[in-house]
PDB file of N, CA and C in Angstrom:
ATOM      1  N   MET A   1      14.738 -51.178  15.305  1.00  0.00           N
ATOM      2  CA  MET A   1      14.064 -49.916  15.125  1.00  0.00           C
ATOM      3  C   MET A   1      12.632 -49.944  15.657  1.00  0.00           C
ATOM      4  N   LYS A   2      12.003 -51.079  15.634  1.00  0.00           N
ATOM      5  CA  LYS A   2      10.629 -51.174  16.103  1.00  0.00           C
ATOM      6  C   LYS A   2      10.517 -50.814  17.581  1.00  0.00           C
ATOM      7  N   ASN A   3      11.556 -51.124  18.359  1.00  0.00           N
ATOM      8  CA  ASN A   3      11.472 -50.865  19.790  1.00  0.00           C
ATOM      9  C   ASN A   3      11.508 -49.365  20.110  1.00  0.00           C
ATOM     10  N   LEU A   4      11.986 -48.523  19.185  1.00  0.00           N
ATOM     11  CA  LEU A   4      11.955 -47.081  19.410  1.00  0.00           C
ATOM     12  C   LEU A   4      10.536 -46.534  19.311  1.00  0.00           C
ATOM     13  N   PHE A   5       9.710 -47.191  18.528  1.00  0.00           N
ATOM     14  CA  PHE A   5       8.365 -46.696  18.281  1.00  0.00           C
ATOM     15  C   PHE A   5       7.296 -47.505  19.015  1.00  0.00           C
ATOM     16  N   HIS A   6       7.656 -48.217  20.053  1.00  0.00           N
ATOM     17  CA  HIS A   6       6.680 -49.037  20.763  1.00  0.00           C
ATOM     18  C   HIS A   6       5.614 -48.186  21.462  1.00  0.00           C
ATOM     19  N   LEU A   7       5.928 -46.915  21.756  1.00  0.00           N
ATOM     20  CA  LEU A   7       4.953 -46.049  22.405  1.00  0.00           C
ATOM     21  C   LEU A   7       3.828 -45.649  21.452  1.00  0.00           C
ATOM     22  N   PHE A   8       4.121 -45.617  20.162  1.00  0.00           N
ATOM     23  CA  PHE A   8       3.130 -45.172  19.187  1.00  0.00           C
ATOM     24  C   PHE A   8       2.172 -46.287  18.800  1.00  0.00           C
ATOM     25  N   ASN A   9       2.549 -47.513  19.046  1.00  0.00           N
ATOM     26  CA  ASN A   9       1.702 -48.666  18.771  1.00  0.00           C
ATOM     27  C   ASN A   9       1.179 -48.627  17.336  1.00  0.00           C
ATOM     28  N   SER A  10       2.088 -48.481  16.393  1.00  0.00           N
ATOM     29  CA  SER A  10       1.725 -48.356  14.990  1.00  0.00           C
ATOM     30  C   SER A  10       2.430 -49.429  14.178  1.00  0.00           C
ATOM     31  N   ASP A  11       1.785 -49.824  13.108  1.00  0.00           N
ATOM     32  CA  ASP A  11       2.382 -50.810  12.220  1.00  0.00           C
ATOM     33  C   ASP A  11       3.076 -50.145  11.035  1.00  0.00           C
ATOM     34  N   MET A  12       3.140 -48.805  11.017  1.00  0.00           N
ATOM     35  CA  MET A  12       3.784 -48.088   9.913  1.00  0.00           C
ATOM     36  C   MET A  12       5.289 -48.116  10.073  1.00  0.00           C
ATOM     37  N   SER A  13       5.957 -48.191   8.952  1.00  0.00           N
ATOM     38  CA  SER A  13       7.418 -48.110   8.990  1.00  0.00           C
ATOM     39  C   SER A  13       7.829 -46.637   8.979  1.00  0.00           C
ATOM     40  N   ILE A  14       9.117 -46.404   9.186  1.00  0.00           N
ATOM     41  CA  ILE A  14       9.630 -45.032   9.173  1.00  0.00           C
ATOM     42  C   ILE A  14       9.437 -44.410   7.795  1.00  0.00           C
ATOM     43  N   GLY A  15       9.645 -45.185   6.756  1.00  0.00           N
ATOM     44  CA  GLY A  15       9.465 -44.680   5.392  1.00  0.00           C
ATOM     45  C   GLY A  15       8.040 -44.231   5.132  1.00  0.00           C
ATOM     46  N   GLU A  16       7.073 -45.035   5.597  1.00  0.00           N
ATOM     47  CA  GLU A  16       5.670 -44.656   5.426  1.00  0.00           C
ATOM     48  C   GLU A  16       5.344 -43.390   6.208  1.00  0.00           C
ATOM     49  N   SER A  17       5.873 -43.284   7.407  1.00  0.00           N
ATOM     50  CA  SER A  17       5.629 -42.099   8.232  1.00  0.00           C
ATOM     51  C   SER A  17       6.170 -40.849   7.557  1.00  0.00           C
ATOM     52  N   ILE A  18       7.386 -40.956   7.025  1.00  0.00           N
ATOM     53  CA  ILE A  18       7.983 -39.813   6.329  1.00  0.00           C
ATOM     54  C   ILE A  18       7.166 -39.474   5.085  1.00  0.00           C
ATOM     55  N   LEU A  19       6.735 -40.492   4.360  1.00  0.00           N
ATOM     56  CA  LEU A  19       5.935 -40.275   3.156  1.00  0.00           C
ATOM     57  C   LEU A  19       4.637 -39.548   3.486  1.00  0.00           C
ATOM     58  N   TYR A  20       3.945 -39.973   4.538  1.00  0.00           N
ATOM     59  CA  TYR A  20       2.699 -39.317   4.923  1.00  0.00           C
ATOM     60  C   TYR A  20       2.949 -37.880   5.398  1.00  0.00           C
ATOM     61  N   SER A  21       4.042 -37.654   6.094  1.00  0.00           N
ATOM     62  CA  SER A  21       4.369 -36.304   6.552  1.00  0.00           C
ATOM     63  C   SER A  21       4.628 -35.378   5.372  1.00  0.00           C
ATOM     64  N   VAL A  22       5.434 -35.849   4.421  1.00  0.00           N
ATOM     65  CA  VAL A  22       5.742 -35.037   3.240  1.00  0.00           C
ATOM     66  C   VAL A  22       4.481 -34.796   2.427  1.00  0.00           C
ATOM     67  N   LEU A  23       3.650 -35.815   2.284  1.00  0.00           N
ATOM     68  CA  LEU A  23       2.403 -35.678   1.545  1.00  0.00           C
ATOM     69  C   LEU A  23       1.476 -34.662   2.223  1.00  0.00           C
ATOM     70  N   GLY A  24       1.382 -34.706   3.532  1.00  0.00           N
ATOM     71  CA  GLY A  24       0.557 -33.739   4.267  1.00  0.00           C
ATOM     72  C   GLY A  24       1.057 -32.321   4.096  1.00  0.00           C
ATOM     73  N   MET A  25       2.389 -32.135   4.197  1.00  0.00           N
ATOM     74  CA  MET A  25       2.942 -30.795   4.004  1.00  0.00           C
ATOM     75  C   MET A  25       2.715 -30.300   2.583  1.00  0.00           C
ATOM     76  N   ALA A  26       2.830 -31.187   1.603  1.00  0.00           N
ATOM     77  CA  ALA A  26       2.619 -30.801   0.205  1.00  0.00           C
ATOM     78  C   ALA A  26       1.176 -30.374  -0.023  1.00  0.00           C
ATOM     79  N   ILE A  27       0.236 -31.080   0.579  1.00  0.00           N
ATOM     80  CA  ILE A  27      -1.177 -30.719   0.427  1.00  0.00           C
ATOM     81  C   ILE A  27      -1.451 -29.352   1.048  1.00  0.00           C
ATOM     82  N   VAL A  28      -0.909 -29.103   2.232  1.00  0.00           N
ATOM     83  CA  VAL A  28      -1.100 -27.802   2.884  1.00  0.00           C
ATOM     84  C   VAL A  28      -0.488 -26.693   2.039  1.00  0.00           C
ATOM     85  N   PHE A  29       0.718 -26.906   1.527  1.00  0.00           N
ATOM     86  CA  PHE A  29       1.377 -25.903   0.701  1.00  0.00           C
ATOM     87  C   PHE A  29       0.585 -25.643  -0.573  1.00  0.00           C
ATOM     88  N   LEU A  30       0.078 -26.704  -1.193  1.00  0.00           N
ATOM     89  CA  LEU A  30      -0.715 -26.570  -2.411  1.00  0.00           C
ATOM     90  C   LEU A  30      -1.992 -25.778  -2.142  1.00  0.00           C
ATOM     91  N   MET A  31      -2.657 -26.048  -1.035  1.00  0.00           N
ATOM     92  CA  MET A  31      -3.881 -25.316  -0.708  1.00  0.00           C
ATOM     93  C   MET A  31      -3.588 -23.845  -0.415  1.00  0.00           C
ATOM     94  N   LEU A  32      -2.453 -23.557   0.216  1.00  0.00           N
ATOM     95  CA  LEU A  32      -2.076 -22.159   0.435  1.00  0.00           C
ATOM     96  C   LEU A  32      -1.831 -21.446  -0.887  1.00  0.00           C
ATOM     97  N   ALA A  33      -1.185 -22.127  -1.837  1.00  0.00           N
ATOM     98  CA  ALA A  33      -0.947 -21.535  -3.157  1.00  0.00           C
ATOM     99  C   ALA A  33      -2.266 -21.294  -3.882  1.00  0.00           C
ATOM    100  N   VAL A  34      -3.188 -22.247  -3.799  1.00  0.00           N
ATOM    101  CA  VAL A  34      -4.504 -22.077  -4.431  1.00  0.00           C
ATOM    102  C   VAL A  34      -5.235 -20.897  -3.805  1.00  0.00           C
ATOM    103  N   LEU A  35      -5.192 -20.777  -2.496  1.00  0.00           N
ATOM    104  CA  LEU A  35      -5.829 -19.659  -1.809  1.00  0.00           C
ATOM    105  C   LEU A  35      -5.212 -18.329  -2.231  1.00  0.00           C
ATOM    106  N   MET A  36      -3.893 -18.294  -2.390  1.00  0.00           N
ATOM    107  CA  MET A  36      -3.221 -17.074  -2.828  1.00  0.00           C
ATOM    108  C   MET A  36      -3.715 -16.655  -4.211  1.00  0.00           C
ATOM    109  N   TYR A  37      -3.831 -17.610  -5.132  1.00  0.00           N
ATOM    110  CA  TYR A  37      -4.287 -17.277  -6.480  1.00  0.00           C
ATOM    111  C   TYR A  37      -5.762 -16.887  -6.500  1.00  0.00           C
ATOM    112  N   ILE A  38      -6.563 -17.454  -5.630  1.00  0.00           N
ATOM    113  CA  ILE A  38      -7.966 -17.044  -5.539  1.00  0.00           C
ATOM    114  C   ILE A  38      -8.056 -15.598  -5.073  1.00  0.00           C
ATOM    115  N   ILE A  39      -7.253 -15.228  -4.086  1.00  0.00           N
ATOM    116  CA  ILE A  39      -7.250 -13.850  -3.588  1.00  0.00           C
ATOM    117  C   ILE A  39      -6.782 -12.892  -4.677  1.00  0.00           C
ATOM    118  N   LYS A  40      -5.744 -13.267  -5.428  1.00  0.00           N
ATOM    119  CA  LYS A  40      -5.283 -12.421  -6.531  1.00  0.00           C
ATOM    120  C   LYS A  40      -6.360 -12.270  -7.598  1.00  0.00           C
ATOM    121  N   LEU A  41      -7.068 -13.350  -7.903  1.00  0.00           N
ATOM    122  CA  LEU A  41      -8.125 -13.307  -8.909  1.00  0.00           C
ATOM    123  C   LEU A  41      -9.264 -12.392  -8.468  1.00  0.00           C
ATOM    124  N   VAL A  42      -9.662 -12.485  -7.209  1.00  0.00           N
ATOM    125  CA  VAL A  42     -10.722 -11.619  -6.698  1.00  0.00           C
ATOM    126  C   VAL A  42     -10.277 -10.159  -6.746  1.00  0.00           C
ATOM    127  N   GLY A  43      -9.030  -9.882  -6.391  1.00  0.00           N
ATOM    128  CA  GLY A  43      -8.513  -8.520  -6.475  1.00  0.00           C
ATOM    129  C   GLY A  43      -8.506  -8.007  -7.902  1.00  0.00           C
ATOM    130  N   PHE A  44      -8.131  -8.855  -8.848  1.00  0.00           N
ATOM    131  CA  PHE A  44      -8.115  -8.472 -10.260  1.00  0.00           C
ATOM    132  C   PHE A  44      -9.530  -8.161 -10.747  1.00  0.00           C
ATOM    133  N   ILE A  45     -10.489  -9.004 -10.362  1.00  0.00           N
ATOM    134  CA  ILE A  45     -11.880  -8.781 -10.767  1.00  0.00           C
ATOM    135  C   ILE A  45     -12.411  -7.482 -10.170  1.00  0.00           C
ATOM    136  N   MET A  46     -12.112  -7.227  -8.910  1.00  0.00           N
ATOM    137  CA  MET A  46     -12.572  -5.993  -8.265  1.00  0.00           C
ATOM    138  C   MET A  46     -11.968  -4.766  -8.937  1.00  0.00           C
ATOM    139  N   LYS A  47     -10.694  -4.849  -9.299  1.00  0.00           N
ATOM    140  CA  LYS A  47     -10.040  -3.730  -9.965  1.00  0.00           C
ATOM    141  C   LYS A  47     -10.692  -3.453 -11.317  1.00  0.00           C
ATOM    142  N   ARG A  48     -11.012  -4.514 -12.060  1.00  0.00           N
ATOM    143  CA  ARG A  48     -11.692  -4.355 -13.355  1.00  0.00           C
ATOM    144  C   ARG A  48     -13.069  -3.725 -13.173  1.00  0.00           C
ATOM    145  N   MET A  49     -13.801  -4.156 -12.154  1.00  0.00           N
ATOM    146  CA  MET A  49     -15.132  -3.593 -11.917  1.00  0.00           C
ATOM    147  C   MET A  49     -15.040  -2.113 -11.576  1.00  0.00           C
ATOM    148  N   GLU A  50     -14.038  -1.724 -10.779  1.00  0.00           N
ATOM    149  CA  GLU A  50     -13.858  -0.315 -10.440  1.00  0.00           C
ATOM    150  C   GLU A  50     -13.501   0.497 -11.674  1.00  0.00           C
ATOM    151  N   GLU A  51     -12.659  -0.057 -12.557  1.00  0.00           N
ATOM    152  CA  GLU A  51     -12.304   0.652 -13.785  1.00  0.00           C
ATOM    153  C   GLU A  51     -13.523   0.836 -14.676  1.00  0.00           C
ATOM    154  N   LYS A  52     -14.348  -0.205 -14.810  1.00  0.00           N
ATOM    155  CA  LYS A  52     -15.559  -0.089 -15.619  1.00  0.00           C
ATOM    156  C   LYS A  52     -16.494   0.963 -15.043  1.00  0.00           C
ATOM    157  N   GLU A  53     -16.648   0.966 -13.723  1.00  0.00           N
ATOM    158  CA  GLU A  53     -17.518   1.944 -13.080  1.00  0.00           C
ATOM    159  C   GLU A  53     -16.989   3.357 -13.282  1.00  0.00           C
ATOM    160  N   ARG A  54     -15.682   3.514 -13.157  1.00  0.00           N
ATOM    161  CA  ARG A  54     -15.072   4.830 -13.340  1.00  0.00           C
ATOM    162  C   ARG A  54     -15.228   5.296 -14.785  1.00  0.00           C
ATOM    163  N   LEU A  55     -15.052   4.383 -15.734  1.00  0.00           N
ATOM    164  CA  LEU A  55     -15.198   4.745 -17.139  1.00  0.00           C
ATOM    165  C   LEU A  55     -16.647   5.053 -17.488  1.00  0.00           C
ATOM    166  N   SER A  56     -17.587   4.343 -16.892  1.00  0.00           N
ATOM    167  CA  SER A  56     -18.995   4.611 -17.191  1.00  0.00           C
ATOM    168  C   SER A  56     -19.419   5.965 -16.638  1.00  0.00           C
ATOM    169  N   THR A  57     -18.936   6.344 -15.475  1.00  0.00           N
ATOM    170  CA  THR A  57     -19.266   7.664 -14.944  1.00  0.00           C
ATOM    171  C   THR A  57     -18.505   8.742 -15.692  1.00  0.00           C
ATOM    172  N   GLY A  58     -17.339   8.427 -16.203  1.00  0.00           N
ATOM    173  CA  GLY A  58     -16.561   9.397 -16.973  1.00  0.00           C
ATOM    174  C   GLY A  58     -17.140   9.616 -18.353  1.00  0.00           C
ATOM    175  N   SER A  59     -17.793   8.601 -18.938  1.00  0.00           N
ATOM    176  CA  SER A  59     -18.356   8.745 -20.280  1.00  0.00           C
ATOM    177  C   SER A  59     -19.571   9.660 -20.275  1.00  0.00           C
ATOM    178  N   GLU A  60     -20.276   9.749 -19.158  1.00  0.00           N
ATOM    179  CA  GLU A  60     -21.425  10.642 -19.073  1.00  0.00           C
ATOM    180  C   GLU A  60     -20.993  12.098 -19.127  1.00  0.00           C
ATOM    181  N   THR A  61     -19.844  12.400 -18.565  1.00  0.00           N
ATOM    182  CA  THR A  61     -19.360  13.774 -18.560  1.00  0.00           C
ATOM    183  C   THR A  61     -18.362  14.030 -19.670  1.00  0.00           C
ATOM    184  N   ALA A  62     -18.101  13.024 -20.521  1.00  0.00           N
ATOM    185  CA  ALA A  62     -17.108  13.200 -21.576  1.00  0.00           C
ATOM    186  C   ALA A  62     -17.593  14.169 -22.638  1.00  0.00           C
ATOM    187  N   GLY A  63     -18.916  14.273 -22.841  1.00  0.00           N
ATOM    188  CA  GLY A  63     -19.451  15.169 -23.852  1.00  0.00           C
ATOM    189  C   GLY A  63     -19.289  16.630 -23.462  1.00  0.00           C
ATOM    190  N   GLU A  64     -19.242  16.910 -22.201  1.00  0.00           N
ATOM    191  CA  GLU A  64     -19.092  18.279 -21.730  1.00  0.00           C
ATOM    192  C   GLU A  64     -17.625  18.670 -21.754  1.00  0.00           C
ATOM    193  N   GLU A  65     -17.381  19.886 -22.172  1.00  0.00           N
ATOM    194  CA  GLU A  65     -16.009  20.382 -22.210  1.00  0.00           C
ATOM    195  C   GLU A  65     -15.606  20.807 -20.801  1.00  0.00           C
ATOM    196  N   ALA A  66     -14.561  20.233 -20.313  1.00  0.00           N
ATOM    197  CA  ALA A  66     -14.087  20.562 -18.972  1.00  0.00           C
ATOM    198  C   ALA A  66     -13.172  21.774 -19.046  1.00  0.00           C
ATOM    199  N   ILE A  67     -13.489  22.773 -18.266  1.00  0.00           N
ATOM    200  CA  ILE A  67     -12.666  23.975 -18.211  1.00  0.00           C
ATOM    201  C   ILE A  67     -11.927  23.939 -16.890  1.00  0.00           C
ATOM    202  N   SER A  68     -10.625  23.947 -16.974  1.00  0.00           N
ATOM    203  CA  SER A  68      -9.844  23.876 -15.746  1.00  0.00           C
ATOM    204  C   SER A  68      -9.411  25.273 -15.335  1.00  0.00           C
ATOM    205  N   ALA A  69      -9.474  25.503 -14.065  1.00  0.00           N
ATOM    206  CA  ALA A  69      -9.041  26.783 -13.526  1.00  0.00           C
ATOM    207  C   ALA A  69      -7.527  26.805 -13.459  1.00  0.00           C
ATOM    208  N   PRO A  70      -6.941  27.978 -13.564  1.00  0.00           N
ATOM    209  CA  PRO A  70      -5.485  28.042 -13.436  1.00  0.00           C
ATOM    210  C   PRO A  70      -5.070  27.613 -12.039  1.00  0.00           C
ATOM    211  N   PRO A  71      -3.875  27.067 -11.901  1.00  0.00           N
ATOM    212  CA  PRO A  71      -3.438  26.623 -10.575  1.00  0.00           C
ATOM    213  C   PRO A  71      -3.388  27.778  -9.589  1.00  0.00           C
ATOM    214  N   ASP A  72      -3.752  27.470  -8.360  1.00  0.00           N
ATOM    215  CA  ASP A  72      -3.784  28.474  -7.308  1.00  0.00           C
ATOM    216  C   ASP A  72      -2.366  28.826  -6.889  1.00  0.00           C
ATOM    217  N   LYS A  73      -2.064  30.092  -6.920  1.00  0.00           N
ATOM    218  CA  LYS A  73      -0.731  30.549  -6.520  1.00  0.00           C
ATOM    219  C   LYS A  73      -0.601  30.608  -5.005  1.00  0.00           C
ATOM    220  N   GLY A  74      -1.726  30.598  -4.307  1.00  0.00           N
ATOM    221  CA  GLY A  74      -1.662  30.662  -2.859  1.00  0.00           C
ATOM    222  C   GLY A  74      -1.542  32.098  -2.378  1.00  0.00           C
ATOM    223  N   ASP A  75      -1.635  32.271  -1.093  1.00  0.00           N
ATOM    224  CA  ASP A  75      -1.489  33.599  -0.514  1.00  0.00           C
ATOM    225  C   ASP A  75      -0.016  33.947  -0.412  1.00  0.00           C
ATOM    226  N   LEU A  76       0.226  35.227  -0.239  1.00  0.00           N
ATOM    227  CA  LEU A  76       1.607  35.660  -0.051  1.00  0.00           C
ATOM    228  C   LEU A  76       2.078  35.245   1.334  1.00  0.00           C
ATOM    229  N   LEU A  77       3.328  34.887   1.420  1.00  0.00           N
ATOM    230  CA  LEU A  77       3.922  34.490   2.686  1.00  0.00           C
ATOM    231  C   LEU A  77       4.386  35.737   3.414  1.00  0.00           C
ATOM    232  N   ILE A  78       3.985  35.859   4.658  1.00  0.00           N
ATOM    233  CA  ILE A  78       4.373  37.015   5.459  1.00  0.00           C
ATOM    234  C   ILE A  78       5.570  36.620   6.307  1.00  0.00           C
ATOM    235  N   LEU A  79       6.665  37.320   6.107  1.00  0.00           N
ATOM    236  CA  LEU A  79       7.879  37.074   6.888  1.00  0.00           C
ATOM    237  C   LEU A  79       7.964  38.145   7.968  1.00  0.00           C
ATOM    238  N   ASN A  80       7.790  37.756   9.204  1.00  0.00           N
ATOM    239  CA  ASN A  80       7.829  38.697  10.322  1.00  0.00           C
ATOM    240  C   ASN A  80       9.236  38.766  10.884  1.00  0.00           C
ATOM    241  N   GLY A  81      10.087  39.566  10.261  1.00  0.00           N
ATOM    242  CA  GLY A  81      11.450  39.743  10.742  1.00  0.00           C
ATOM    243  C   GLY A  81      12.337  38.531  10.535  1.00  0.00           C
ATOM    244  N   VAL A  82      12.004  37.676   9.588  1.00  0.00           N
ATOM    245  CA  VAL A  82      12.793  36.482   9.300  1.00  0.00           C
ATOM    246  C   VAL A  82      13.370  36.633   7.897  1.00  0.00           C
ATOM    247  N   PRO A  83      14.677  36.403   7.727  1.00  0.00           N
ATOM    248  CA  PRO A  83      15.258  36.488   6.383  1.00  0.00           C
ATOM    249  C   PRO A  83      14.645  35.431   5.449  1.00  0.00           C
ATOM    250  N   ALA A  84      14.618  35.732   4.169  1.00  0.00           N
ATOM    251  CA  ALA A  84      14.013  34.834   3.182  1.00  0.00           C
ATOM    252  C   ALA A  84      14.721  33.481   3.162  1.00  0.00           C
ATOM    253  N   ARG A  85      16.035  33.482   3.333  1.00  0.00           N
ATOM    254  CA  ARG A  85      16.787  32.227   3.334  1.00  0.00           C
ATOM    255  C   ARG A  85      16.362  31.343   4.503  1.00  0.00           C
ATOM    256  N   THR A  86      16.199  31.926   5.679  1.00  0.00           N
ATOM    257  CA  THR A  86      15.770  31.172   6.857  1.00  0.00           C
ATOM    258  C   THR A  86      14.357  30.626   6.660  1.00  0.00           C
ATOM    259  N   ALA A  87      13.477  31.436   6.073  1.00  0.00           N
ATOM    260  CA  ALA A  87      12.112  30.985   5.811  1.00  0.00           C
ATOM    261  C   ALA A  87      12.114  29.812   4.834  1.00  0.00           C
ATOM    262  N   ALA A  88      12.964  29.870   3.821  1.00  0.00           N
ATOM    263  CA  ALA A  88      13.053  28.779   2.850  1.00  0.00           C
ATOM    264  C   ALA A  88      13.541  27.499   3.515  1.00  0.00           C
ATOM    265  N   ILE A  89      14.506  27.629   4.415  1.00  0.00           N
ATOM    266  CA  ILE A  89      15.020  26.455   5.126  1.00  0.00           C
ATOM    267  C   ILE A  89      13.938  25.851   6.018  1.00  0.00           C
ATOM    268  N   VAL A  90      13.193  26.691   6.715  1.00  0.00           N
ATOM    269  CA  VAL A  90      12.118  26.210   7.590  1.00  0.00           C
ATOM    270  C   VAL A  90      11.049  25.486   6.770  1.00  0.00           C
ATOM    271  N   MET A  91      10.670  26.066   5.630  1.00  0.00           N
ATOM    272  CA  MET A  91       9.653  25.427   4.785  1.00  0.00           C
ATOM    273  C   MET A  91      10.146  24.086   4.252  1.00  0.00           C
ATOM    274  N   ALA A  92      11.422  24.018   3.866  1.00  0.00           N
ATOM    275  CA  ALA A  92      11.980  22.759   3.363  1.00  0.00           C
ATOM    276  C   ALA A  92      12.016  21.699   4.462  1.00  0.00           C
ATOM    277  N   LEU A  93      12.364  22.100   5.680  1.00  0.00           N
ATOM    278  CA  LEU A  93      12.394  21.150   6.798  1.00  0.00           C
ATOM    279  C   LEU A  93      11.000  20.626   7.136  1.00  0.00           C
ATOM    280  N   VAL A  94      10.017  21.505   7.114  1.00  0.00           N
ATOM    281  CA  VAL A  94       8.643  21.081   7.400  1.00  0.00           C
ATOM    282  C   VAL A  94       8.156  20.110   6.331  1.00  0.00           C
ATOM    283  N   ALA A  95       8.416  20.431   5.061  1.00  0.00           N
ATOM    284  CA  ALA A  95       7.995  19.552   3.965  1.00  0.00           C
ATOM    285  C   ALA A  95       8.678  18.192   4.070  1.00  0.00           C
ATOM    286  N   ASP A  96       9.958  18.187   4.431  1.00  0.00           N
ATOM    287  CA  ASP A  96      10.686  16.925   4.552  1.00  0.00           C
ATOM    288  C   ASP A  96      10.170  16.091   5.723  1.00  0.00           C
ATOM    289  N   SER A  97       9.884  16.734   6.840  1.00  0.00           N
ATOM    290  CA  SER A  97       9.410  15.977   8.002  1.00  0.00           C
ATOM    291  C   SER A  97       8.000  15.430   7.783  1.00  0.00           C
ATOM    292  N   LEU A  98       7.186  16.121   6.980  1.00  0.00           N
ATOM    293  CA  LEU A  98       5.839  15.635   6.668  1.00  0.00           C
ATOM    294  C   LEU A  98       5.825  14.686   5.482  1.00  0.00           C
ATOM    295  N   LYS A  99       6.969  14.556   4.784  1.00  0.00           N
ATOM    296  CA  LYS A  99       7.093  13.691   3.603  1.00  0.00           C
ATOM    297  C   LYS A  99       6.091  14.095   2.514  1.00  0.00           C
ATOM    298  N   LYS A 100       5.945  15.413   2.324  1.00  0.00           N
ATOM    299  CA  LYS A 100       5.057  15.945   1.289  1.00  0.00           C
ATOM    300  C   LYS A 100       5.846  16.929   0.442  1.00  0.00           C
ATOM    301  N   PRO A 101       5.480  17.052  -0.835  1.00  0.00           N
ATOM    302  CA  PRO A 101       6.127  18.068  -1.664  1.00  0.00           C
ATOM    303  C   PRO A 101       5.788  19.458  -1.137  1.00  0.00           C
ATOM    304  N   ILE A 102       6.708  20.361  -1.288  1.00  0.00           N
ATOM    305  CA  ILE A 102       6.524  21.699  -0.728  1.00  0.00           C
ATOM    306  C   ILE A 102       5.382  22.437  -1.415  1.00  0.00           C
ATOM    307  N   ASN A 103       5.068  22.081  -2.666  1.00  0.00           N
ATOM    308  CA  ASN A 103       3.985  22.778  -3.353  1.00  0.00           C
ATOM    309  C   ASN A 103       2.603  22.328  -2.874  1.00  0.00           C
ATOM    310  N   GLU A 104       2.521  21.283  -2.063  1.00  0.00           N
ATOM    311  CA  GLU A 104       1.248  20.855  -1.490  1.00  0.00           C
ATOM    312  C   GLU A 104       0.998  21.491  -0.123  1.00  0.00           C
ATOM    313  N   LEU A 105       1.968  22.206   0.388  1.00  0.00           N
ATOM    314  CA  LEU A 105       1.831  22.848   1.692  1.00  0.00           C
ATOM    315  C   LEU A 105       1.561  24.332   1.502  1.00  0.00           C
ATOM    316  N   ARG A 106       0.860  24.933   2.453  1.00  0.00           N
ATOM    317  CA  ARG A 106       0.582  26.360   2.390  1.00  0.00           C
ATOM    318  C   ARG A 106       1.082  27.005   3.683  1.00  0.00           C
ATOM    319  N   PHE A 107       2.014  27.908   3.533  1.00  0.00           N
ATOM    320  CA  PHE A 107       2.566  28.648   4.659  1.00  0.00           C
ATOM    321  C   PHE A 107       1.974  30.049   4.618  1.00  0.00           C
ATOM    322  N   LYS A 108       1.381  30.494   5.717  1.00  0.00           N
ATOM    323  CA  LYS A 108       0.779  31.823   5.751  1.00  0.00           C
ATOM    324  C   LYS A 108       1.759  32.858   6.272  1.00  0.00           C
ATOM    325  N   SER A 109       2.454  32.515   7.341  1.00  0.00           N
ATOM    326  CA  SER A 109       3.448  33.449   7.872  1.00  0.00           C
ATOM    327  C   SER A 109       4.502  32.664   8.640  1.00  0.00           C
ATOM    328  N   ILE A 110       5.669  33.265   8.704  1.00  0.00           N
ATOM    329  CA  ILE A 110       6.771  32.680   9.467  1.00  0.00           C
ATOM    330  C   ILE A 110       7.340  33.789  10.335  1.00  0.00           C
ATOM    331  N   ARG A 111       7.442  33.506  11.631  1.00  0.00           N
ATOM    332  CA  ARG A 111       8.038  34.497  12.530  1.00  0.00           C
ATOM    333  C   ARG A 111       8.934  33.786  13.522  1.00  0.00           C
ATOM    334  N   GLU A 112       9.876  34.519  14.023  1.00  0.00           N
ATOM    335  CA  GLU A 112      10.817  33.965  14.989  1.00  0.00           C
ATOM    336  C   GLU A 112      10.200  34.028  16.381  1.00  0.00           C
ATOM    337  N   VAL A 113      10.272  32.921  17.094  1.00  0.00           N
ATOM    338  CA  VAL A 113       9.755  32.863  18.453  1.00  0.00           C
ATOM    339  C   VAL A 113      10.929  33.042  19.392  1.00  0.00           C
ATOM    340  N   ARG A 114      10.797  33.996  20.304  1.00  0.00           N
ATOM    341  CA  ARG A 114      11.902  34.262  21.239  1.00  0.00           C
ATOM    342  C   ARG A 114      11.501  33.939  22.634  1.00  0.00           C
TER     343      ARG A 114
END
């Protein structure tokens, strides 16, 4: 077996080489795991700081009674010669393609283009 490794000019046996390789990989893996947990810890600390900041700004306005306005009904939809069923289908298709709920979209008018 020694003659296979004559190019490396090493006195290490195959077992020692494998041991050092496994040990090196284990150290790299361990350091990656430590780095992952450090990143998670920093993210957790940042999230806590943001919550504290949000709560401190919210406590200043907590004494005031918040009056909410009624939800906006939006403008009336103008159908220019388009049946209501067709307009509903068009609105549903637009909402689906934009991946937004239909109540977050505002349609002013729908007309057929010829």
